[in-house]
Amino acid sequence: MHSEFFDLTFPEDNVYNVEPGLTTSVCDGYWAFLRPLPVGPHEISFSASIFMPEGDPVTTQIKNDPIYRSVIEEIDKNSRFNIEVTYDLMVK
């Protein structure tokens, strides 16, 4: 399930390396809530694979908005967008 479309403003020098300004976005995914971590280093990793079917309103929005060009290049021939992320955290 994903959210309805909503307005999203990217600030200058954002972490996604996209042009700052207003765009339309949607939120979809799984979320993890952690208990407070003990002091010290921690590594948190996750991966996801999202099906991006042709004709879907979210897929159409992404493919038609140049701000998502880097995402479009990562959608494979099976209409899947795959991502792997690792966070290195230091709790003080």
PDB file of N, CA and C in Angstrom:
ATOM      1  N   MET A   1       0.848  -1.180   0.000  1.00  0.00           N
ATOM      2  CA  MET A   1       0.000   0.000   0.000  1.00  0.00           C
ATOM      3  C   MET A   1       0.887   1.234   0.000  1.00  0.00           C
ATOM      4  N   HIS A   2       0.490   2.240  -0.727  1.00  0.00           N
ATOM      5  CA  HIS A   2       1.258   3.471  -0.733  1.00  0.00           C
ATOM      6  C   HIS A   2       0.349   4.641  -0.390  1.00  0.00           C
ATOM      7  N   SER A   3       0.983   5.742  -0.035  1.00  0.00           N
ATOM      8  CA  SER A   3       0.230   6.937   0.318  1.00  0.00           C
ATOM      9  C   SER A   3      -0.370   7.581  -0.918  1.00  0.00           C
ATOM     10  N   GLU A   4      -1.206   8.559  -0.698  1.00  0.00           N
ATOM     11  CA  GLU A   4      -1.672   9.424  -1.775  1.00  0.00           C
ATOM     12  C   GLU A   4      -0.497  10.306  -2.192  1.00  0.00           C
ATOM     13  N   PHE A   5      -0.556  10.922  -3.363  1.00  0.00           N
ATOM     14  CA  PHE A   5       0.469  11.872  -3.765  1.00  0.00           C
ATOM     15  C   PHE A   5       0.461  13.060  -2.798  1.00  0.00           C
ATOM     16  N   PHE A   6       1.641  13.593  -2.517  1.00  0.00           N
ATOM     17  CA  PHE A   6       1.741  14.783  -1.678  1.00  0.00           C
ATOM     18  C   PHE A   6       2.876  15.661  -2.197  1.00  0.00           C
ATOM     19  N   ASP A   7       2.826  16.948  -1.845  1.00  0.00           N
ATOM     20  CA  ASP A   7       3.873  17.877  -2.248  1.00  0.00           C
ATOM     21  C   ASP A   7       5.106  17.658  -1.381  1.00  0.00           C
ATOM     22  N   LEU A   8       6.280  17.722  -2.003  1.00  0.00           N
ATOM     23  CA  LEU A   8       7.546  17.549  -1.304  1.00  0.00           C
ATOM     24  C   LEU A   8       8.503  18.617  -1.814  1.00  0.00           C
ATOM     25  N   THR A   9       9.141  19.324  -0.903  1.00  0.00           N
ATOM     26  CA  THR A   9      10.104  20.345  -1.276  1.00  0.00           C
ATOM     27  C   THR A   9      11.506  19.873  -0.921  1.00  0.00           C
ATOM     28  N   PHE A  10      12.369  19.761  -1.934  1.00  0.00           N
ATOM     29  CA  PHE A  10      13.765  19.406  -1.704  1.00  0.00           C
ATOM     30  C   PHE A  10      14.552  20.676  -1.400  1.00  0.00           C
ATOM     31  N   PRO A  11      15.361  20.680  -0.326  1.00  0.00           N
ATOM     32  CA  PRO A  11      16.167  21.862  -0.009  1.00  0.00           C
ATOM     33  C   PRO A  11      17.425  21.923  -0.884  1.00  0.00           C
ATOM     34  N   GLU A  12      18.141  23.027  -0.801  1.00  0.00           N
ATOM     35  CA  GLU A  12      19.440  23.156  -1.462  1.00  0.00           C
ATOM     36  C   GLU A  12      20.366  22.078  -0.886  1.00  0.00           C
ATOM     37  N   ASP A  13      21.315  21.588  -1.670  1.00  0.00           N
ATOM     38  CA  ASP A  13      22.326  20.616  -1.219  1.00  0.00           C
ATOM     39  C   ASP A  13      21.698  19.414  -0.513  1.00  0.00           C
ATOM     40  N   ASN A  14      20.635  18.849  -1.086  1.00  0.00           N
ATOM     41  CA  ASN A  14      19.956  17.712  -0.455  1.00  0.00           C
ATOM     42  C   ASN A  14      20.734  16.421  -0.673  1.00  0.00           C
ATOM     43  N   VAL A  15      20.465  15.429   0.152  1.00  0.00           N
ATOM     44  CA  VAL A  15      21.206  14.163   0.115  1.00  0.00           C
ATOM     45  C   VAL A  15      20.911  13.331  -1.127  1.00  0.00           C
ATOM     46  N   TYR A  16      19.848  13.641  -1.865  1.00  0.00           N
ATOM     47  CA  TYR A  16      19.504  12.882  -3.064  1.00  0.00           C
ATOM     48  C   TYR A  16      20.165  13.441  -4.321  1.00  0.00           C
ATOM     49  N   ASN A  17      20.853  14.577  -4.166  1.00  0.00           N
ATOM     50  CA  ASN A  17      21.542  15.211  -5.281  1.00  0.00           C
ATOM     51  C   ASN A  17      20.577  15.526  -6.435  1.00  0.00           C
ATOM     52  N   VAL A  18      19.384  16.005  -6.080  1.00  0.00           N
ATOM     53  CA  VAL A  18      18.395  16.420  -7.079  1.00  0.00           C
ATOM     54  C   VAL A  18      18.206  17.929  -6.977  1.00  0.00           C
ATOM     55  N   GLU A  19      17.631  18.513  -8.015  1.00  0.00           N
ATOM     56  CA  GLU A  19      17.393  19.952  -8.007  1.00  0.00           C
ATOM     57  C   GLU A  19      16.468  20.331  -6.865  1.00  0.00           C
ATOM     58  N   PRO A  20      16.802  21.393  -6.152  1.00  0.00           N
ATOM     59  CA  PRO A  20      15.919  21.842  -5.073  1.00  0.00           C
ATOM     60  C   PRO A  20      14.609  22.367  -5.635  1.00  0.00           C
ATOM     61  N   GLY A  21      13.569  22.309  -4.822  1.00  0.00           N
ATOM     62  CA  GLY A  21      12.284  22.850  -5.238  1.00  0.00           C
ATOM     63  C   GLY A  21      11.149  21.889  -4.970  1.00  0.00           C
ATOM     64  N   LEU A  22       9.982  22.286  -5.396  1.00  0.00           N
ATOM     65  CA  LEU A  22       8.752  21.537  -5.152  1.00  0.00           C
ATOM     66  C   LEU A  22       8.573  20.426  -6.179  1.00  0.00           C
ATOM     67  N   THR A  23       8.146  19.250  -5.713  1.00  0.00           N
ATOM     68  CA  THR A  23       7.813  18.132  -6.582  1.00  0.00           C
ATOM     69  C   THR A  23       6.643  17.386  -5.953  1.00  0.00           C
ATOM     70  N   THR A  24       6.173  16.361  -6.624  1.00  0.00           N
ATOM     71  CA  THR A  24       5.119  15.502  -6.102  1.00  0.00           C
ATOM     72  C   THR A  24       5.763  14.186  -5.698  1.00  0.00           C
ATOM     73  N   SER A  25       5.335  13.632  -4.576  1.00  0.00           N
ATOM     74  CA  SER A  25       5.943  12.401  -4.088  1.00  0.00           C
ATOM     75  C   SER A  25       4.874  11.444  -3.581  1.00  0.00           C
ATOM     76  N   VAL A  26       5.314  10.260  -3.251  1.00  0.00           N
ATOM     77  CA  VAL A  26       4.461   9.237  -2.660  1.00  0.00           C
ATOM     78  C   VAL A  26       5.321   8.440  -1.692  1.00  0.00           C
ATOM     79  N   CYS A  27       4.738   7.888  -0.676  1.00  0.00           N
ATOM     80  CA  CYS A  27       5.486   7.119   0.313  1.00  0.00           C
ATOM     81  C   CYS A  27       5.004   5.678   0.278  1.00  0.00           C
ATOM     82  N   ASP A  28       5.946   4.753   0.263  1.00  0.00           N
ATOM     83  CA  ASP A  28       5.619   3.341   0.195  1.00  0.00           C
ATOM     84  C   ASP A  28       6.753   2.580   0.849  1.00  0.00           C
ATOM     85  N   GLY A  29       6.466   1.542   1.571  1.00  0.00           N
ATOM     86  CA  GLY A  29       7.554   0.746   2.106  1.00  0.00           C
ATOM     87  C   GLY A  29       7.252   0.128   3.448  1.00  0.00           C
ATOM     88  N   TYR A  30       8.284  -0.434   3.998  1.00  0.00           N
ATOM     89  CA  TYR A  30       8.245  -1.025   5.327  1.00  0.00           C
ATOM     90  C   TYR A  30       9.097  -0.153   6.229  1.00  0.00           C
ATOM     91  N   TRP A  31       8.692  -0.032   7.464  1.00  0.00           N
ATOM     92  CA  TRP A  31       9.382   0.843   8.401  1.00  0.00           C
ATOM     93  C   TRP A  31       9.802   0.035   9.617  1.00  0.00           C
ATOM     94  N   ALA A  32      10.955   0.365  10.158  1.00  0.00           N
ATOM     95  CA  ALA A  32      11.459  -0.323  11.350  1.00  0.00           C
ATOM     96  C   ALA A  32      11.585   0.686  12.486  1.00  0.00           C
ATOM     97  N   PHE A  33      11.074   0.323  13.630  1.00  0.00           N
ATOM     98  CA  PHE A  33      11.230   1.136  14.827  1.00  0.00           C
ATOM     99  C   PHE A  33      12.136   0.360  15.772  1.00  0.00           C
ATOM    100  N   LEU A  34      13.180   1.012  16.212  1.00  0.00           N
ATOM    101  CA  LEU A  34      14.160   0.366  17.078  1.00  0.00           C
ATOM    102  C   LEU A  34      14.076   0.907  18.492  1.00  0.00           C
ATOM    103  N   ARG A  35      14.342   0.042  19.441  1.00  0.00           N
ATOM    104  CA  ARG A  35      14.515   0.531  20.804  1.00  0.00           C
ATOM    105  C   ARG A  35      15.804   1.343  20.832  1.00  0.00           C
ATOM    106  N   PRO A  36      15.974   2.214  21.816  1.00  0.00           N
ATOM    107  CA  PRO A  36      17.215   2.977  21.872  1.00  0.00           C
ATOM    108  C   PRO A  36      18.432   2.048  21.856  1.00  0.00           C
ATOM    109  N   LEU A  37      19.403   2.388  21.025  1.00  0.00           N
ATOM    110  CA  LEU A  37      20.604   1.568  20.887  1.00  0.00           C
ATOM    111  C   LEU A  37      21.611   1.919  21.981  1.00  0.00           C
ATOM    112  N   PRO A  38      22.392   0.939  22.431  1.00  0.00           N
ATOM    113  CA  PRO A  38      23.424   1.227  23.426  1.00  0.00           C
ATOM    114  C   PRO A  38      24.540   2.088  22.813  1.00  0.00           C
ATOM    115  N   VAL A  39      25.301   2.741  23.662  1.00  0.00           N
ATOM    116  CA  VAL A  39      26.427   3.557  23.216  1.00  0.00           C
ATOM    117  C   VAL A  39      27.401   2.687  22.422  1.00  0.00           C
ATOM    118  N   GLY A  40      27.909   3.257  21.319  1.00  0.00           N
ATOM    119  CA  GLY A  40      28.880   2.537  20.505  1.00  0.00           C
ATOM    120  C   GLY A  40      28.465   2.497  19.048  1.00  0.00           C
ATOM    121  N   PRO A  41      29.274   1.806  18.224  1.00  0.00           N
ATOM    122  CA  PRO A  41      28.988   1.730  16.786  1.00  0.00           C
ATOM    123  C   PRO A  41      27.922   0.677  16.475  1.00  0.00           C
ATOM    124  N   HIS A  42      27.140   0.955  15.452  1.00  0.00           N
ATOM    125  CA  HIS A  42      26.093   0.028  15.014  1.00  0.00           C
ATOM    126  C   HIS A  42      26.010   0.071  13.497  1.00  0.00           C
ATOM    127  N   GLU A  43      25.676  -1.062  12.896  1.00  0.00           N
ATOM    128  CA  GLU A  43      25.449  -1.140  11.468  1.00  0.00           C
ATOM    129  C   GLU A  43      24.049  -1.680  11.243  1.00  0.00           C
ATOM    130  N   ILE A  44      23.252  -0.939  10.504  1.00  0.00           N
ATOM    131  CA  ILE A  44      21.886  -1.358  10.193  1.00  0.00           C
ATOM    132  C   ILE A  44      21.785  -1.450   8.676  1.00  0.00           C
ATOM    133  N   SER A  45      21.399  -2.628   8.178  1.00  0.00           N
ATOM    134  CA  SER A  45      21.305  -2.857   6.735  1.00  0.00           C
ATOM    135  C   SER A  45      19.909  -3.339   6.378  1.00  0.00           C
ATOM    136  N   PHE A  46      19.460  -2.943   5.216  1.00  0.00           N
ATOM    137  CA  PHE A  46      18.210  -3.474   4.686  1.00  0.00           C
ATOM    138  C   PHE A  46      18.230  -3.403   3.170  1.00  0.00           C
ATOM    139  N   SER A  47      17.345  -4.162   2.566  1.00  0.00           N
ATOM    140  CA  SER A  47      17.204  -4.122   1.114  1.00  0.00           C
ATOM    141  C   SER A  47      15.724  -4.192   0.780  1.00  0.00           C
ATOM    142  N   ALA A  48      15.401  -3.760  -0.425  1.00  0.00           N
ATOM    143  CA  ALA A  48      14.007  -3.778  -0.863  1.00  0.00           C
ATOM    144  C   ALA A  48      13.963  -3.957  -2.368  1.00  0.00           C
ATOM    145  N   SER A  49      12.862  -4.499  -2.830  1.00  0.00           N
ATOM    146  CA  SER A  49      12.603  -4.650  -4.247  1.00  0.00           C
ATOM    147  C   SER A  49      11.153  -4.230  -4.471  1.00  0.00           C
ATOM    148  N   ILE A  50      10.946  -3.282  -5.367  1.00  0.00           N
ATOM    149  CA  ILE A  50       9.620  -2.722  -5.593  1.00  0.00           C
ATOM    150  C   ILE A  50       9.214  -2.973  -7.039  1.00  0.00           C
ATOM    151  N   PHE A  51       8.030  -3.511  -7.241  1.00  0.00           N
ATOM    152  CA  PHE A  51       7.509  -3.725  -8.586  1.00  0.00           C
ATOM    153  C   PHE A  51       6.948  -2.408  -9.105  1.00  0.00           C
ATOM    154  N   MET A  52       7.382  -1.984 -10.284  1.00  0.00           N
ATOM    155  CA  MET A  52       6.974  -0.719 -10.889  1.00  0.00           C
ATOM    156  C   MET A  52       6.220  -1.014 -12.194  1.00  0.00           C
ATOM    157  N   PRO A  53       4.954  -1.438 -12.119  1.00  0.00           N
ATOM    158  CA  PRO A  53       4.238  -1.846 -13.332  1.00  0.00           C
ATOM    159  C   PRO A  53       3.944  -0.680 -14.271  1.00  0.00           C
ATOM    160  N   GLU A  54       4.005  -0.961 -15.566  1.00  0.00           N
ATOM    161  CA  GLU A  54       3.637   0.032 -16.568  1.00  0.00           C
ATOM    162  C   GLU A  54       2.174   0.429 -16.373  1.00  0.00           C
ATOM    163  N   GLY A  55       1.874   1.699 -16.531  1.00  0.00           N
ATOM    164  CA  GLY A  55       0.500   2.179 -16.416  1.00  0.00           C
ATOM    165  C   GLY A  55       0.085   2.549 -15.007  1.00  0.00           C
ATOM    166  N   ASP A  56       0.835   2.119 -13.990  1.00  0.00           N
ATOM    167  CA  ASP A  56       0.529   2.481 -12.614  1.00  0.00           C
ATOM    168  C   ASP A  56       0.758   3.988 -12.449  1.00  0.00           C
ATOM    169  N   PRO A  57      -0.111   4.708 -11.721  1.00  0.00           N
ATOM    170  CA  PRO A  57       0.048   6.160 -11.604  1.00  0.00           C
ATOM    171  C   PRO A  57       1.393   6.577 -10.995  1.00  0.00           C
ATOM    172  N   VAL A  58       1.892   5.820 -10.030  1.00  0.00           N
ATOM    173  CA  VAL A  58       3.182   6.169  -9.420  1.00  0.00           C
ATOM    174  C   VAL A  58       4.316   5.948 -10.416  1.00  0.00           C
ATOM    175  N   THR A  59       4.295   4.818 -11.123  1.00  0.00           N
ATOM    176  CA  THR A  59       5.315   4.540 -12.140  1.00  0.00           C
ATOM    177  C   THR A  59       5.287   5.618 -13.220  1.00  0.00           C
ATOM    178  N   THR A  60       4.105   5.985 -13.662  1.00  0.00           N
ATOM    179  CA  THR A  60       3.965   7.014 -14.691  1.00  0.00           C
ATOM    180  C   THR A  60       4.528   8.344 -14.202  1.00  0.00           C
ATOM    181  N   GLN A  61       4.215   8.718 -12.957  1.00  0.00           N
ATOM    182  CA  GLN A  61       4.725   9.969 -12.388  1.00  0.00           C
ATOM    183  C   GLN A  61       6.251   9.958 -12.369  1.00  0.00           C
ATOM    184  N   ILE A  62       6.842   8.864 -11.908  1.00  0.00           N
ATOM    185  CA  ILE A  62       8.304   8.763 -11.819  1.00  0.00           C
ATOM    186  C   ILE A  62       8.930   8.832 -13.207  1.00  0.00           C
ATOM    187  N   LYS A  63       8.366   8.101 -14.165  1.00  0.00           N
ATOM    188  CA  LYS A  63       8.955   8.061 -15.505  1.00  0.00           C
ATOM    189  C   LYS A  63       8.804   9.380 -16.264  1.00  0.00           C
ATOM    190  N   ASN A  64       7.835  10.217 -15.878  1.00  0.00           N
ATOM    191  CA  ASN A  64       7.601  11.477 -16.582  1.00  0.00           C
ATOM    192  C   ASN A  64       8.231  12.689 -15.904  1.00  0.00           C
ATOM    193  N   ASP A  65       8.794  12.505 -14.727  1.00  0.00           N
ATOM    194  CA  ASP A  65       9.382  13.627 -13.995  1.00  0.00           C
ATOM    195  C   ASP A  65      10.901  13.515 -14.047  1.00  0.00           C
ATOM    196  N   PRO A  66      11.587  14.467 -14.687  1.00  0.00           N
ATOM    197  CA  PRO A  66      13.048  14.362 -14.841  1.00  0.00           C
ATOM    198  C   PRO A  66      13.799  14.312 -13.517  1.00  0.00           C
ATOM    199  N   ILE A  67      13.171  14.739 -12.435  1.00  0.00           N
ATOM    200  CA  ILE A  67      13.848  14.710 -11.140  1.00  0.00           C
ATOM    201  C   ILE A  67      14.173  13.265 -10.722  1.00  0.00           C
ATOM    202  N   TYR A  68      13.439  12.294 -11.257  1.00  0.00           N
ATOM    203  CA  TYR A  68      13.640  10.893 -10.899  1.00  0.00           C
ATOM    204  C   TYR A  68      14.515  10.141 -11.901  1.00  0.00           C
ATOM    205  N   ARG A  69      15.223  10.845 -12.762  1.00  0.00           N
ATOM    206  CA  ARG A  69      16.009  10.200 -13.820  1.00  0.00           C
ATOM    207  C   ARG A  69      16.920   9.094 -13.271  1.00  0.00           C
ATOM    208  N   SER A  70      17.583   9.332 -12.136  1.00  0.00           N
ATOM    209  CA  SER A  70      18.485   8.310 -11.593  1.00  0.00           C
ATOM    210  C   SER A  70      17.719   7.066 -11.147  1.00  0.00           C
ATOM    211  N   VAL A  71      16.487   7.236 -10.695  1.00  0.00           N
ATOM    212  CA  VAL A  71      15.663   6.083 -10.297  1.00  0.00           C
ATOM    213  C   VAL A  71      15.243   5.294 -11.529  1.00  0.00           C
ATOM    214  N   ILE A  72      14.829   5.995 -12.573  1.00  0.00           N
ATOM    215  CA  ILE A  72      14.389   5.340 -13.812  1.00  0.00           C
ATOM    216  C   ILE A  72      15.491   4.431 -14.353  1.00  0.00           C
ATOM    217  N   GLU A  73      16.733   4.904 -14.288  1.00  0.00           N
ATOM    218  CA  GLU A  73      17.865   4.117 -14.795  1.00  0.00           C
ATOM    219  C   GLU A  73      18.083   2.841 -13.984  1.00  0.00           C
ATOM    220  N   GLU A  74      17.565   2.799 -12.749  1.00  0.00           N
ATOM    221  CA  GLU A  74      17.751   1.625 -11.892  1.00  0.00           C
ATOM    222  C   GLU A  74      16.605   0.623 -11.977  1.00  0.00           C
ATOM    223  N   ILE A  75      15.528   0.961 -12.676  1.00  0.00           N
ATOM    224  CA  ILE A  75      14.420   0.022 -12.833  1.00  0.00           C
ATOM    225  C   ILE A  75      14.828  -1.002 -13.886  1.00  0.00           C
ATOM    226  N   ASP A  76      14.874  -2.274 -13.511  1.00  0.00           N
ATOM    227  CA  ASP A  76      15.372  -3.296 -14.436  1.00  0.00           C
ATOM    228  C   ASP A  76      14.318  -3.704 -15.463  1.00  0.00           C
ATOM    229  N   LYS A  77      14.695  -4.608 -16.363  1.00  0.00           N
ATOM    230  CA  LYS A  77      13.797  -5.011 -17.459  1.00  0.00           C
ATOM    231  C   LYS A  77      12.557  -5.749 -16.965  1.00  0.00           C
ATOM    232  N   ASN A  78      12.548  -6.186 -15.693  1.00  0.00           N
ATOM    233  CA  ASN A  78      11.378  -6.856 -15.123  1.00  0.00           C
ATOM    234  C   ASN A  78      10.503  -5.897 -14.324  1.00  0.00           C
ATOM    235  N   SER A  79      10.702  -4.583 -14.539  1.00  0.00           N
ATOM    236  CA  SER A  79       9.929  -3.535 -13.864  1.00  0.00           C
ATOM    237  C   SER A  79      10.122  -3.536 -12.354  1.00  0.00           C
ATOM    238  N   ARG A  80      11.320  -3.890 -11.910  1.00  0.00           N
ATOM    239  CA  ARG A  80      11.613  -3.878 -10.485  1.00  0.00           C
ATOM    240  C   ARG A  80      12.681  -2.836 -10.192  1.00  0.00           C
ATOM    241  N   PHE A  81      12.481  -2.122  -9.090  1.00  0.00           N
ATOM    242  CA  PHE A  81      13.486  -1.198  -8.574  1.00  0.00           C
ATOM    243  C   PHE A  81      14.055  -1.846  -7.324  1.00  0.00           C
ATOM    244  N   ASN A  82      15.354  -2.107  -7.310  1.00  0.00           N
ATOM    245  CA  ASN A  82      16.012  -2.780  -6.191  1.00  0.00           C
ATOM    246  C   ASN A  82      16.956  -1.813  -5.490  1.00  0.00           C
ATOM    247  N   ILE A  83      16.996  -1.905  -4.169  1.00  0.00           N
ATOM    248  CA  ILE A  83      17.869  -1.019  -3.392  1.00  0.00           C
ATOM    249  C   ILE A  83      18.437  -1.780  -2.199  1.00  0.00           C
ATOM    250  N   GLU A  84      19.675  -1.488  -1.882  1.00  0.00           N
ATOM    251  CA  GLU A  84      20.323  -2.007  -0.673  1.00  0.00           C
ATOM    252  C   GLU A  84      20.939  -0.820   0.044  1.00  0.00           C
ATOM    253  N   VAL A  85      20.686  -0.715   1.345  1.00  0.00           N
ATOM    254  CA  VAL A  85      21.160   0.429   2.126  1.00  0.00           C
ATOM    255  C   VAL A  85      21.793  -0.066   3.411  1.00  0.00           C
ATOM    256  N   THR A  86      22.914   0.533   3.784  1.00  0.00           N
ATOM    257  CA  THR A  86      23.563   0.249   5.061  1.00  0.00           C
ATOM    258  C   THR A  86      23.834   1.568   5.763  1.00  0.00           C
ATOM    259  N   TYR A  87      23.420   1.651   7.014  1.00  0.00           N
ATOM    260  CA  TYR A  87      23.696   2.825   7.833  1.00  0.00           C
ATOM    261  C   TYR A  87      24.737   2.449   8.869  1.00  0.00           C
ATOM    262  N   ASP A  88      25.795   3.241   8.974  1.00  0.00           N
ATOM    263  CA  ASP A  88      26.772   3.097  10.043  1.00  0.00           C
ATOM    264  C   ASP A  88      26.467   4.198  11.057  1.00  0.00           C
ATOM    265  N   LEU A  89      26.054   3.792  12.242  1.00  0.00           N
ATOM    266  CA  LEU A  89      25.650   4.739  13.270  1.00  0.00           C
ATOM    267  C   LEU A  89      26.611   4.710  14.443  1.00  0.00           C
ATOM    268  N   MET A  90      26.809   5.870  15.060  1.00  0.00           N
ATOM    269  CA  MET A  90      27.585   5.950  16.293  1.00  0.00           C
ATOM    270  C   MET A  90      26.700   6.610  17.339  1.00  0.00           C
ATOM    271  N   VAL A  91      26.381   5.848  18.374  1.00  0.00           N
ATOM    272  CA  VAL A  91      25.554   6.374  19.465  1.00  0.00           C
ATOM    273  C   VAL A  91      26.502   6.818  20.566  1.00  0.00           C
ATOM    274  N   LYS A  92      26.343   8.066  20.982  1.00  0.00           N
ATOM    275  CA  LYS A  92      27.215   8.616  22.030  1.00  0.00           C
ATOM    276  C   LYS A  92      26.465   8.819  23.315  1.00  0.00           C
TER     277      LYS A  92
END
